[in-house]
Amino acid sequence: MSKRIQVDRRTLLKMTTGVLTGLVLADSPLAVIAGGPVWAVDLSVLTTAEGVTLMAMARTIAPHDKLDDVAYALVVRAIDDASSNAANELKLVREGIASLGSTFAISPESERVAALKKIEPSTFFQTIRLKTLQALYATPIAYAYFGYEGEAFSKGGYLLRGFNDLRWLREVPIEDGGPMPVGRGG
């Protein structure tokens, strides 16, 4: 005879959800920001396998070879957060992940691209694409990777801070540069 164990919803969710983990590369921009060489992202409604599939999907949608996985894990956490607040979104995400198959995350990039092209018009793909773009490019990790220094208004604007930092262009002679704003010049 087996005993029946009663588990409340919160405990059940904690037991069935996942954690994404990884390492920070020593020479990456994230190494400066991160407090240590290891990272972990807790998922509240998605499993680890679902998170890994979504991370592979996000990396395929927005591929940056030298950007650490933790930036993509933050995308997965954003999807997990949104899914935990809307049952219909969770269903959409789970069905979409299932349609990609269990080997999607370990497939070569060319196969992942082909699989995503097949589902590109779907609501699932468009939802994940939008979340990827919103979450990935709005993090300090991406800012450090791409060299974005943040908004300039509080630092006096871009005119004297970064506007003319085009090292790959030749210097323009002063007489061809146009008028300088009053009170700012050199």
N, C-alpha and C. Protein backbone atom coordinates (compact mmCIF):
# COMPACT_ATOMS: atom_id res chain seq x y z
N MET A 1 0.84 -1.18 0.00
CA MET A 1 0.00 0.00 0.00
C MET A 1 0.89 1.24 0.00
N SER A 2 0.60 2.15 -0.88
CA SER A 2 1.43 3.36 -0.97
C SER A 2 0.77 4.51 -0.23
N LYS A 3 1.61 5.31 0.36
CA LYS A 3 1.10 6.49 1.06
C LYS A 3 0.89 7.61 0.07
N ARG A 4 -0.11 8.38 0.30
CA ARG A 4 -0.39 9.53 -0.53
C ARG A 4 0.30 10.75 0.06
N ILE A 5 1.05 11.44 -0.76
CA ILE A 5 1.74 12.64 -0.31
C ILE A 5 0.99 13.84 -0.85
N GLN A 6 0.68 14.76 0.04
CA GLN A 6 0.00 15.97 -0.39
C GLN A 6 1.03 17.08 -0.56
N VAL A 7 0.98 17.74 -1.70
CA VAL A 7 1.90 18.81 -2.02
C VAL A 7 1.09 20.01 -2.49
N ASP A 8 1.40 21.16 -1.92
CA ASP A 8 0.68 22.35 -2.38
C ASP A 8 1.24 22.80 -3.73
N ARG A 9 0.53 23.68 -4.40
CA ARG A 9 0.87 24.13 -5.75
C ARG A 9 2.27 24.74 -5.81
N ARG A 10 2.63 25.58 -4.86
CA ARG A 10 3.93 26.25 -4.85
C ARG A 10 5.07 25.23 -4.78
N THR A 11 4.93 24.24 -3.91
CA THR A 11 5.96 23.21 -3.78
C THR A 11 6.05 22.37 -5.05
N LEU A 12 4.90 22.05 -5.63
CA LEU A 12 4.88 21.29 -6.87
C LEU A 12 5.61 22.05 -7.98
N LEU A 13 5.33 23.34 -8.10
CA LEU A 13 5.99 24.15 -9.12
C LEU A 13 7.50 24.21 -8.89
N LYS A 14 7.91 24.33 -7.64
CA LYS A 14 9.34 24.38 -7.34
C LYS A 14 10.02 23.06 -7.69
N MET A 15 9.29 21.96 -7.50
CA MET A 15 9.88 20.65 -7.78
C MET A 15 9.95 20.37 -9.28
N THR A 16 9.06 20.97 -10.07
CA THR A 16 8.99 20.64 -11.48
C THR A 16 9.60 21.69 -12.39
N THR A 17 10.06 22.78 -11.86
CA THR A 17 10.66 23.81 -12.70
C THR A 17 12.17 23.68 -12.70
N GLY A 18 12.80 24.55 -13.48
CA GLY A 18 14.22 24.37 -13.69
C GLY A 18 15.10 25.51 -13.27
N VAL A 19 16.37 25.29 -13.48
CA VAL A 19 17.41 26.27 -13.22
C VAL A 19 18.38 26.20 -14.39
N LEU A 20 18.68 27.34 -14.97
CA LEU A 20 19.71 27.40 -16.00
C LEU A 20 21.00 27.82 -15.32
N THR A 21 22.08 27.14 -15.63
CA THR A 21 23.36 27.48 -15.02
C THR A 21 24.44 27.53 -16.09
N GLY A 22 25.52 28.18 -15.76
CA GLY A 22 26.64 28.24 -16.70
C GLY A 22 27.83 28.92 -16.09
N LEU A 23 28.83 29.12 -16.93
CA LEU A 23 30.07 29.76 -16.52
C LEU A 23 30.26 31.06 -17.29
N VAL A 24 30.93 32.00 -16.66
CA VAL A 24 31.26 33.27 -17.30
C VAL A 24 32.68 33.14 -17.87
N LEU A 25 32.85 33.52 -19.12
CA LEU A 25 34.18 33.49 -19.73
C LEU A 25 35.05 34.57 -19.12
N ALA A 26 36.28 34.24 -18.84
CA ALA A 26 37.18 35.17 -18.14
C ALA A 26 37.48 36.43 -18.95
N ASP A 27 37.55 36.32 -20.27
CA ASP A 27 37.90 37.49 -21.08
C ASP A 27 36.69 38.22 -21.66
N SER A 28 35.51 37.92 -21.17
CA SER A 28 34.31 38.56 -21.70
C SER A 28 34.01 39.85 -20.93
N PRO A 29 33.22 40.75 -21.57
CA PRO A 29 32.83 41.97 -20.86
C PRO A 29 32.01 41.68 -19.61
N LEU A 30 31.32 40.55 -19.61
CA LEU A 30 30.51 40.19 -18.46
C LEU A 30 31.37 39.90 -17.23
N ALA A 31 32.58 39.42 -17.44
CA ALA A 31 33.46 39.09 -16.31
C ALA A 31 33.67 40.30 -15.40
N VAL A 32 33.65 41.49 -15.99
CA VAL A 32 33.82 42.72 -15.20
C VAL A 32 32.57 42.98 -14.36
N ILE A 33 31.40 42.69 -14.93
CA ILE A 33 30.13 42.97 -14.26
C ILE A 33 29.78 41.89 -13.25
N ALA A 34 30.01 40.63 -13.63
CA ALA A 34 29.61 39.51 -12.79
C ALA A 34 30.48 39.42 -11.54
N GLY A 35 29.87 38.96 -10.48
CA GLY A 35 30.60 38.83 -9.22
C GLY A 35 31.43 37.57 -9.13
N GLY A 36 31.21 36.63 -10.02
CA GLY A 36 31.94 35.38 -9.95
C GLY A 36 31.92 34.68 -11.29
N PRO A 37 32.57 33.52 -11.38
CA PRO A 37 32.68 32.82 -12.65
C PRO A 37 31.47 31.96 -13.01
N VAL A 38 30.50 31.85 -12.11
CA VAL A 38 29.34 30.99 -12.33
C VAL A 38 28.06 31.81 -12.24
N TRP A 39 27.06 31.46 -13.05
CA TRP A 39 25.78 32.14 -12.98
C TRP A 39 24.67 31.09 -12.95
N ALA A 40 23.52 31.50 -12.44
CA ALA A 40 22.34 30.64 -12.42
C ALA A 40 21.10 31.51 -12.51
N VAL A 41 20.12 31.02 -13.25
CA VAL A 41 18.84 31.72 -13.38
C VAL A 41 17.74 30.74 -12.99
N ASP A 42 16.98 31.10 -11.96
CA ASP A 42 15.86 30.25 -11.53
C ASP A 42 14.67 30.47 -12.45
N LEU A 43 14.01 29.39 -12.80
CA LEU A 43 12.82 29.45 -13.62
C LEU A 43 11.63 29.08 -12.75
N SER A 44 10.53 29.81 -12.88
CA SER A 44 9.39 29.55 -12.00
C SER A 44 8.37 28.59 -12.61
N VAL A 45 8.18 28.60 -13.92
CA VAL A 45 7.20 27.70 -14.53
C VAL A 45 7.77 26.80 -15.62
N LEU A 46 8.90 27.18 -16.18
CA LEU A 46 9.50 26.38 -17.23
C LEU A 46 10.51 25.40 -16.64
N THR A 47 10.68 24.26 -17.29
CA THR A 47 11.66 23.28 -16.85
C THR A 47 13.04 23.66 -17.40
N THR A 48 14.05 23.02 -16.89
CA THR A 48 15.41 23.26 -17.38
C THR A 48 15.50 22.94 -18.86
N ALA A 49 14.93 21.83 -19.29
CA ALA A 49 14.97 21.44 -20.71
C ALA A 49 14.28 22.49 -21.58
N GLU A 50 13.14 23.00 -21.12
CA GLU A 50 12.45 24.05 -21.87
C GLU A 50 13.30 25.32 -21.92
N GLY A 51 13.95 25.64 -20.80
CA GLY A 51 14.82 26.81 -20.75
C GLY A 51 16.00 26.69 -21.70
N VAL A 52 16.59 25.51 -21.76
CA VAL A 52 17.73 25.28 -22.66
C VAL A 52 17.28 25.43 -24.12
N THR A 53 16.12 24.91 -24.44
CA THR A 53 15.59 25.04 -25.80
C THR A 53 15.34 26.51 -26.14
N LEU A 54 14.74 27.25 -25.21
CA LEU A 54 14.50 28.68 -25.46
C LEU A 54 15.81 29.46 -25.57
N MET A 55 16.80 29.07 -24.79
CA MET A 55 18.09 29.76 -24.86
C MET A 55 18.74 29.51 -26.23
N ALA A 56 18.64 28.29 -26.73
CA ALA A 56 19.17 27.98 -28.06
C ALA A 56 18.39 28.74 -29.13
N MET A 57 17.10 28.87 -28.93
CA MET A 57 16.26 29.61 -29.87
C MET A 57 16.66 31.10 -29.88
N ALA A 58 16.82 31.67 -28.69
CA ALA A 58 17.21 33.09 -28.59
C ALA A 58 18.59 33.32 -29.21
N ARG A 59 19.51 32.41 -28.98
CA ARG A 59 20.86 32.54 -29.54
C ARG A 59 20.83 32.40 -31.06
N THR A 60 19.90 31.63 -31.58
CA THR A 60 19.76 31.47 -33.03
C THR A 60 19.10 32.70 -33.65
N ILE A 61 18.15 33.28 -32.95
CA ILE A 61 17.47 34.48 -33.45
C ILE A 61 18.42 35.68 -33.44
N ALA A 62 19.18 35.83 -32.38
CA ALA A 62 20.10 36.96 -32.23
C ALA A 62 21.49 36.43 -31.93
N PRO A 63 22.19 35.92 -32.95
CA PRO A 63 23.49 35.28 -32.70
C PRO A 63 24.63 36.27 -32.50
N HIS A 64 25.26 36.15 -31.37
CA HIS A 64 26.48 36.90 -31.07
C HIS A 64 27.43 35.89 -30.45
N ASP A 65 28.37 35.40 -31.24
CA ASP A 65 29.22 34.28 -30.84
C ASP A 65 29.95 34.50 -29.53
N LYS A 66 30.38 35.72 -29.25
CA LYS A 66 31.18 35.94 -28.05
C LYS A 66 30.37 36.48 -26.88
N LEU A 67 29.08 36.63 -27.04
CA LEU A 67 28.21 37.08 -25.94
C LEU A 67 27.91 35.88 -25.05
N ASP A 68 28.15 36.03 -23.77
CA ASP A 68 27.98 34.92 -22.83
C ASP A 68 26.54 34.43 -22.77
N ASP A 69 26.40 33.16 -22.44
CA ASP A 69 25.08 32.54 -22.33
C ASP A 69 24.19 33.21 -21.29
N VAL A 70 24.78 33.84 -20.28
CA VAL A 70 23.97 34.46 -19.24
C VAL A 70 23.07 35.55 -19.82
N ALA A 71 23.52 36.23 -20.85
CA ALA A 71 22.67 37.25 -21.50
C ALA A 71 21.44 36.59 -22.11
N TYR A 72 21.62 35.44 -22.71
CA TYR A 72 20.49 34.70 -23.29
C TYR A 72 19.63 34.07 -22.20
N ALA A 73 20.24 33.69 -21.09
CA ALA A 73 19.48 33.14 -19.97
C ALA A 73 18.53 34.19 -19.40
N LEU A 74 18.93 35.46 -19.44
CA LEU A 74 18.04 36.54 -18.98
C LEU A 74 16.83 36.67 -19.90
N VAL A 75 17.00 36.34 -21.17
CA VAL A 75 15.87 36.31 -22.11
C VAL A 75 14.90 35.21 -21.67
N VAL A 76 15.46 34.04 -21.35
CA VAL A 76 14.63 32.91 -20.92
C VAL A 76 13.89 33.27 -19.63
N ARG A 77 14.57 33.96 -18.71
CA ARG A 77 13.90 34.36 -17.48
C ARG A 77 12.76 35.33 -17.77
N ALA A 78 12.94 36.23 -18.72
CA ALA A 78 11.87 37.16 -19.08
C ALA A 78 10.67 36.41 -19.66
N ILE A 79 10.94 35.39 -20.47
CA ILE A 79 9.86 34.57 -21.04
C ILE A 79 9.18 33.79 -19.93
N ASP A 80 9.98 33.25 -19.01
CA ASP A 80 9.44 32.50 -17.87
C ASP A 80 8.56 33.40 -17.00
N ASP A 81 9.03 34.62 -16.73
CA ASP A 81 8.24 35.57 -15.93
C ASP A 81 6.90 35.89 -16.61
N ALA A 82 6.95 36.15 -17.91
CA ALA A 82 5.72 36.47 -18.64
C ALA A 82 4.78 35.26 -18.68
N SER A 83 5.36 34.07 -18.82
CA SER A 83 4.55 32.85 -18.86
C SER A 83 3.92 32.52 -17.51
N SER A 84 4.59 32.90 -16.43
CA SER A 84 4.05 32.60 -15.10
C SER A 84 2.84 33.48 -14.79
N ASN A 85 2.70 34.58 -15.50
CA ASN A 85 1.58 35.49 -15.26
C ASN A 85 0.42 35.28 -16.21
N ALA A 86 0.60 34.46 -17.23
CA ALA A 86 -0.47 34.25 -18.22
C ALA A 86 -0.48 32.80 -18.67
N ALA A 87 -1.53 32.10 -18.32
CA ALA A 87 -1.64 30.68 -18.65
C ALA A 87 -1.63 30.46 -20.16
N ASN A 88 -2.27 31.38 -20.92
CA ASN A 88 -2.30 31.20 -22.37
C ASN A 88 -0.91 31.36 -22.98
N GLU A 89 -0.09 32.23 -22.41
CA GLU A 89 1.28 32.39 -22.91
C GLU A 89 2.13 31.17 -22.57
N LEU A 90 1.95 30.63 -21.38
CA LEU A 90 2.66 29.41 -20.99
C LEU A 90 2.31 28.27 -21.94
N LYS A 91 1.05 28.15 -22.26
CA LYS A 91 0.60 27.10 -23.19
C LYS A 91 1.23 27.31 -24.56
N LEU A 92 1.24 28.55 -25.04
CA LEU A 92 1.84 28.88 -26.32
C LEU A 92 3.33 28.51 -26.34
N VAL A 93 4.04 28.87 -25.28
CA VAL A 93 5.47 28.60 -25.20
C VAL A 93 5.73 27.10 -25.14
N ARG A 94 4.99 26.39 -24.31
CA ARG A 94 5.22 24.94 -24.19
C ARG A 94 4.90 24.20 -25.49
N GLU A 95 3.80 24.58 -26.15
CA GLU A 95 3.46 23.94 -27.42
C GLU A 95 4.50 24.27 -28.49
N GLY A 96 4.99 25.50 -28.48
CA GLY A 96 6.01 25.89 -29.45
C GLY A 96 7.32 25.14 -29.24
N ILE A 97 7.71 25.00 -27.99
CA ILE A 97 8.93 24.25 -27.67
C ILE A 97 8.77 22.80 -28.11
N ALA A 98 7.61 22.23 -27.84
CA ALA A 98 7.35 20.84 -28.24
C ALA A 98 7.42 20.69 -29.76
N SER A 99 6.95 21.70 -30.50
CA SER A 99 6.97 21.62 -31.96
C SER A 99 8.40 21.65 -32.51
N LEU A 100 9.34 22.23 -31.74
CA LEU A 100 10.73 22.27 -32.18
C LEU A 100 11.43 20.92 -31.99
N GLY A 101 10.94 20.13 -31.07
CA GLY A 101 11.52 18.82 -30.83
C GLY A 101 12.56 18.83 -29.72
N SER A 102 12.84 17.66 -29.19
CA SER A 102 13.73 17.55 -28.04
C SER A 102 15.20 17.74 -28.40
N THR A 103 15.55 17.66 -29.68
CA THR A 103 16.95 17.79 -30.07
C THR A 103 17.29 19.18 -30.62
N PHE A 104 16.35 20.10 -30.58
CA PHE A 104 16.59 21.43 -31.15
C PHE A 104 17.82 22.09 -30.56
N ALA A 105 17.94 22.08 -29.24
CA ALA A 105 19.03 22.80 -28.57
C ALA A 105 20.41 22.24 -28.89
N ILE A 106 20.50 20.96 -29.22
CA ILE A 106 21.81 20.37 -29.50
C ILE A 106 22.07 20.22 -31.00
N SER A 107 21.15 20.67 -31.80
CA SER A 107 21.31 20.59 -33.26
C SER A 107 22.31 21.65 -33.73
N PRO A 108 22.95 21.40 -34.88
CA PRO A 108 23.83 22.41 -35.45
C PRO A 108 23.04 23.68 -35.79
N GLU A 109 23.74 24.80 -35.83
CA GLU A 109 23.06 26.08 -36.06
C GLU A 109 22.28 26.08 -37.37
N SER A 110 22.80 25.50 -38.42
CA SER A 110 22.10 25.49 -39.71
C SER A 110 20.75 24.78 -39.60
N GLU A 111 20.69 23.70 -38.82
CA GLU A 111 19.42 22.98 -38.62
C GLU A 111 18.46 23.81 -37.76
N ARG A 112 19.00 24.52 -36.75
CA ARG A 112 18.14 25.37 -35.92
C ARG A 112 17.55 26.50 -36.75
N VAL A 113 18.36 27.09 -37.60
CA VAL A 113 17.87 28.18 -38.47
C VAL A 113 16.77 27.66 -39.38
N ALA A 114 16.98 26.49 -39.98
CA ALA A 114 15.97 25.90 -40.86
C ALA A 114 14.67 25.62 -40.10
N ALA A 115 14.79 25.10 -38.89
CA ALA A 115 13.60 24.82 -38.08
C ALA A 115 12.85 26.10 -37.73
N LEU A 116 13.58 27.16 -37.42
CA LEU A 116 12.94 28.43 -37.07
C LEU A 116 12.31 29.10 -38.29
N LYS A 117 12.93 28.94 -39.45
CA LYS A 117 12.34 29.51 -40.67
C LYS A 117 10.99 28.87 -40.97
N LYS A 118 10.85 27.59 -40.65
CA LYS A 118 9.57 26.90 -40.88
C LYS A 118 8.46 27.47 -40.02
N ILE A 119 8.80 27.90 -38.79
CA ILE A 119 7.76 28.38 -37.88
C ILE A 119 7.75 29.91 -37.76
N GLU A 120 8.52 30.58 -38.61
CA GLU A 120 8.66 32.03 -38.51
C GLU A 120 7.33 32.80 -38.49
N PRO A 121 6.33 32.43 -39.28
CA PRO A 121 5.08 33.19 -39.22
C PRO A 121 4.22 32.91 -37.98
N SER A 122 4.59 31.91 -37.20
CA SER A 122 3.75 31.52 -36.06
C SER A 122 3.78 32.55 -34.93
N THR A 123 2.72 32.55 -34.15
CA THR A 123 2.64 33.43 -32.98
C THR A 123 3.74 33.10 -31.99
N PHE A 124 4.04 31.82 -31.83
CA PHE A 124 5.11 31.40 -30.91
C PHE A 124 6.44 32.04 -31.30
N PHE A 125 6.83 31.88 -32.57
CA PHE A 125 8.11 32.43 -33.01
C PHE A 125 8.14 33.95 -32.83
N GLN A 126 7.10 34.63 -33.24
CA GLN A 126 7.07 36.09 -33.16
C GLN A 126 7.11 36.55 -31.70
N THR A 127 6.46 35.83 -30.80
CA THR A 127 6.49 36.16 -29.37
C THR A 127 7.91 36.02 -28.82
N ILE A 128 8.56 34.90 -29.12
CA ILE A 128 9.91 34.66 -28.62
C ILE A 128 10.90 35.63 -29.26
N ARG A 129 10.72 35.92 -30.53
CA ARG A 129 11.59 36.89 -31.22
C ARG A 129 11.50 38.25 -30.56
N LEU A 130 10.28 38.71 -30.29
CA LEU A 130 10.09 40.02 -29.66
C LEU A 130 10.70 40.03 -28.25
N LYS A 131 10.44 39.00 -27.46
CA LYS A 131 11.00 38.93 -26.10
C LYS A 131 12.53 38.89 -26.14
N THR A 132 13.07 38.18 -27.13
CA THR A 132 14.53 38.11 -27.27
C THR A 132 15.11 39.49 -27.52
N LEU A 133 14.54 40.21 -28.45
CA LEU A 133 15.05 41.54 -28.78
C LEU A 133 14.88 42.51 -27.61
N GLN A 134 13.74 42.44 -26.94
CA GLN A 134 13.50 43.34 -25.81
C GLN A 134 14.43 43.03 -24.63
N ALA A 135 14.54 41.78 -24.27
CA ALA A 135 15.31 41.42 -23.07
C ALA A 135 16.82 41.41 -23.32
N LEU A 136 17.24 40.91 -24.47
CA LEU A 136 18.67 40.78 -24.73
C LEU A 136 19.36 42.13 -24.83
N TYR A 137 18.77 43.04 -25.58
CA TYR A 137 19.44 44.31 -25.85
C TYR A 137 19.14 45.39 -24.81
N ALA A 138 18.47 45.04 -23.75
CA ALA A 138 18.17 46.00 -22.68
C ALA A 138 18.87 45.63 -21.38
N THR A 139 19.96 44.91 -21.48
CA THR A 139 20.68 44.50 -20.27
C THR A 139 22.07 45.13 -20.22
N PRO A 140 22.57 45.38 -19.03
CA PRO A 140 23.94 45.89 -18.90
C PRO A 140 24.98 44.94 -19.51
N ILE A 141 24.66 43.67 -19.57
CA ILE A 141 25.57 42.69 -20.16
C ILE A 141 25.75 43.00 -21.65
N ALA A 142 24.63 43.23 -22.35
CA ALA A 142 24.70 43.58 -23.77
C ALA A 142 25.34 44.94 -23.95
N TYR A 143 25.02 45.88 -23.08
CA TYR A 143 25.64 47.21 -23.16
C TYR A 143 27.16 47.08 -23.12
N ALA A 144 27.67 46.30 -22.18
CA ALA A 144 29.12 46.13 -22.04
C ALA A 144 29.69 45.43 -23.27
N TYR A 145 29.00 44.44 -23.76
CA TYR A 145 29.47 43.68 -24.92
C TYR A 145 29.56 44.57 -26.16
N PHE A 146 28.55 45.41 -26.38
CA PHE A 146 28.52 46.24 -27.57
C PHE A 146 29.20 47.60 -27.39
N GLY A 147 29.63 47.91 -26.18
CA GLY A 147 30.31 49.17 -25.93
C GLY A 147 29.37 50.35 -25.75
N TYR A 148 28.10 50.10 -25.50
CA TYR A 148 27.13 51.17 -25.28
C TYR A 148 27.31 51.72 -23.87
N GLU A 149 27.48 53.01 -23.75
CA GLU A 149 27.75 53.62 -22.46
C GLU A 149 26.49 54.11 -21.75
N GLY A 150 25.34 53.87 -22.32
CA GLY A 150 24.10 54.31 -21.70
C GLY A 150 23.63 55.64 -22.24
N GLU A 151 22.54 56.11 -21.69
CA GLU A 151 21.98 57.38 -22.15
C GLU A 151 22.94 58.52 -21.84
N ALA A 152 22.90 59.56 -22.66
CA ALA A 152 23.87 60.64 -22.52
C ALA A 152 23.28 61.92 -21.95
N PHE A 153 21.97 62.01 -21.84
CA PHE A 153 21.34 63.26 -21.39
C PHE A 153 21.88 63.70 -20.03
N SER A 154 21.94 62.77 -19.09
CA SER A 154 22.39 63.12 -17.75
C SER A 154 23.89 63.44 -17.70
N LYS A 155 24.59 63.11 -18.77
CA LYS A 155 26.04 63.36 -18.82
C LYS A 155 26.38 64.52 -19.76
N GLY A 156 25.39 65.31 -20.14
CA GLY A 156 25.63 66.47 -20.99
C GLY A 156 25.32 66.26 -22.46
N GLY A 157 24.78 65.13 -22.83
CA GLY A 157 24.43 64.87 -24.22
C GLY A 157 25.56 64.21 -24.99
N TYR A 158 25.28 63.92 -26.26
CA TYR A 158 26.24 63.21 -27.09
C TYR A 158 27.20 64.12 -27.84
N LEU A 159 26.88 65.41 -27.97
CA LEU A 159 27.69 66.28 -28.79
C LEU A 159 29.15 66.29 -28.35
N LEU A 160 29.37 66.43 -27.05
CA LEU A 160 30.73 66.47 -26.55
C LEU A 160 31.16 65.15 -25.92
N ARG A 161 30.32 64.15 -25.99
CA ARG A 161 30.60 62.86 -25.36
C ARG A 161 30.21 61.72 -26.30
N GLY A 162 31.09 61.37 -27.17
CA GLY A 162 30.85 60.22 -28.01
C GLY A 162 30.39 60.52 -29.42
N PHE A 163 29.87 61.72 -29.68
CA PHE A 163 29.36 62.04 -31.00
C PHE A 163 30.46 61.95 -32.06
N ASN A 164 31.63 62.39 -31.71
CA ASN A 164 32.72 62.47 -32.67
C ASN A 164 33.77 61.38 -32.45
N ASP A 165 33.38 60.27 -31.87
CA ASP A 165 34.32 59.19 -31.57
C ASP A 165 34.41 58.17 -32.70
N LEU A 166 34.39 58.62 -33.90
CA LEU A 166 34.46 57.71 -35.05
C LEU A 166 35.92 57.52 -35.44
N ARG A 167 36.57 56.57 -34.85
CA ARG A 167 37.99 56.34 -35.07
C ARG A 167 38.28 55.81 -36.47
N TRP A 168 37.29 55.24 -37.12
CA TRP A 168 37.51 54.64 -38.42
C TRP A 168 37.36 55.64 -39.57
N LEU A 169 36.95 56.89 -39.27
CA LEU A 169 36.87 57.93 -40.30
C LEU A 169 38.06 58.87 -40.17
N ARG A 170 38.47 59.43 -41.29
CA ARG A 170 39.57 60.40 -41.24
C ARG A 170 39.06 61.67 -40.59
N GLU A 171 39.97 62.45 -40.03
CA GLU A 171 39.63 63.73 -39.40
C GLU A 171 39.17 64.73 -40.45
N VAL A 172 38.12 65.44 -40.16
CA VAL A 172 37.61 66.47 -41.07
C VAL A 172 38.28 67.79 -40.69
N PRO A 173 38.78 68.52 -41.70
CA PRO A 173 39.38 69.82 -41.38
C PRO A 173 38.37 70.75 -40.72
N ILE A 174 38.85 71.59 -39.81
CA ILE A 174 37.98 72.51 -39.06
C ILE A 174 37.10 73.32 -39.99
N GLU A 175 37.65 73.84 -41.08
CA GLU A 175 36.87 74.69 -41.98
C GLU A 175 35.73 73.94 -42.66
N ASP A 176 35.80 72.60 -42.75
CA ASP A 176 34.74 71.80 -43.36
C ASP A 176 33.77 71.24 -42.33
N GLY A 177 34.02 71.51 -41.05
CA GLY A 177 33.22 70.91 -39.99
C GLY A 177 31.92 71.62 -39.68
N GLY A 178 31.72 72.81 -40.18
CA GLY A 178 30.50 73.54 -39.90
C GLY A 178 30.59 74.31 -38.60
N PRO A 179 29.54 75.06 -38.29
CA PRO A 179 29.59 75.90 -37.09
C PRO A 179 29.50 75.07 -35.81
N MET A 180 30.19 75.52 -34.79
CA MET A 180 30.12 74.89 -33.48
C MET A 180 29.04 75.61 -32.65
N PRO A 181 28.34 74.91 -31.80
CA PRO A 181 27.35 75.58 -30.94
C PRO A 181 28.01 76.62 -30.08
N VAL A 182 27.28 77.69 -29.79
CA VAL A 182 27.80 78.78 -28.99
C VAL A 182 28.13 78.28 -27.58
N GLY A 183 29.28 78.71 -27.07
CA GLY A 183 29.66 78.36 -25.71
C GLY A 183 30.37 77.02 -25.61
N ARG A 184 30.45 76.32 -26.72
CA ARG A 184 31.14 75.02 -26.73
C ARG A 184 32.09 75.01 -27.90
N GLY A 185 33.23 75.01 -27.70
CA GLY A 185 34.11 75.00 -28.86
C GLY A 185 35.51 74.67 -28.49
N GLY A 186 36.21 74.65 -29.51
CA GLY A 186 37.60 74.34 -29.30
C GLY A 186 38.37 74.71 -30.52
